[in-house]
């Protein structure tokens, strides 16, 4: 257990089985329109890749109030625009590849009452340290673009991403990711289909491990698109 700098009321640790019920409740609070993780899915996450399931605990209540879940993938086995369901085996993480060179940050969420304390950033740093420790090439994920619904009549999602990258426009989520060292690689249609604020799109983001070269067989140009 590691206390959060500047916020000692929180601690960073790995997920325990006795967290499962609280995480299910937390997921339902953060994503009320989505089906929350089940105990069985959380058990599967822990079984296939326990070191990639991080929790922020509120020390007073002893409950998890934030999580960051990850799994390893060989992205060459997927399409450029595969959605979250595909990349997580419908949330089970049973497609985890112990030899995969990319760590996929499948989910990161914080209880609304505990946001704006830098907890998401602490979870991100913890996952990046795992990437370095396991000598992986990079970390990848999908970023919501909740500002895109307001701009969708002016540009397509790829153009929107470029305007965020050049700071011509600001997106509440994607801009923050770019400031945290992520690179935006392109758009995915239907990544989170019910995300109306993002008009059903997300940005593919990656963080490159500066201590590890890319795999010899990795060639992004060989990846096809599903849509």
Foldseek 3Di string as FASTA:
>chain_A
DAADPPHNQKGKDFDDLVQQVVQQVLQCQVCVPDRGDHSQLVVLQCVPCRLQWMFMARNVVRHTFKIWHKAADQCLVDFPFDALCVVCVHSNNPRGDPPHQEIERNDIDGRPVPPPPCPSVVSVVSNLVVNVVVQHFKYKYWKAQLQVLVCVVPDPPQVVVVCLVVVVDPGPIPVVVVVSQKDFDGKHAQNPQVSVSSPRMITMIMHGDPVHDHDPPDDNVPHHHPD
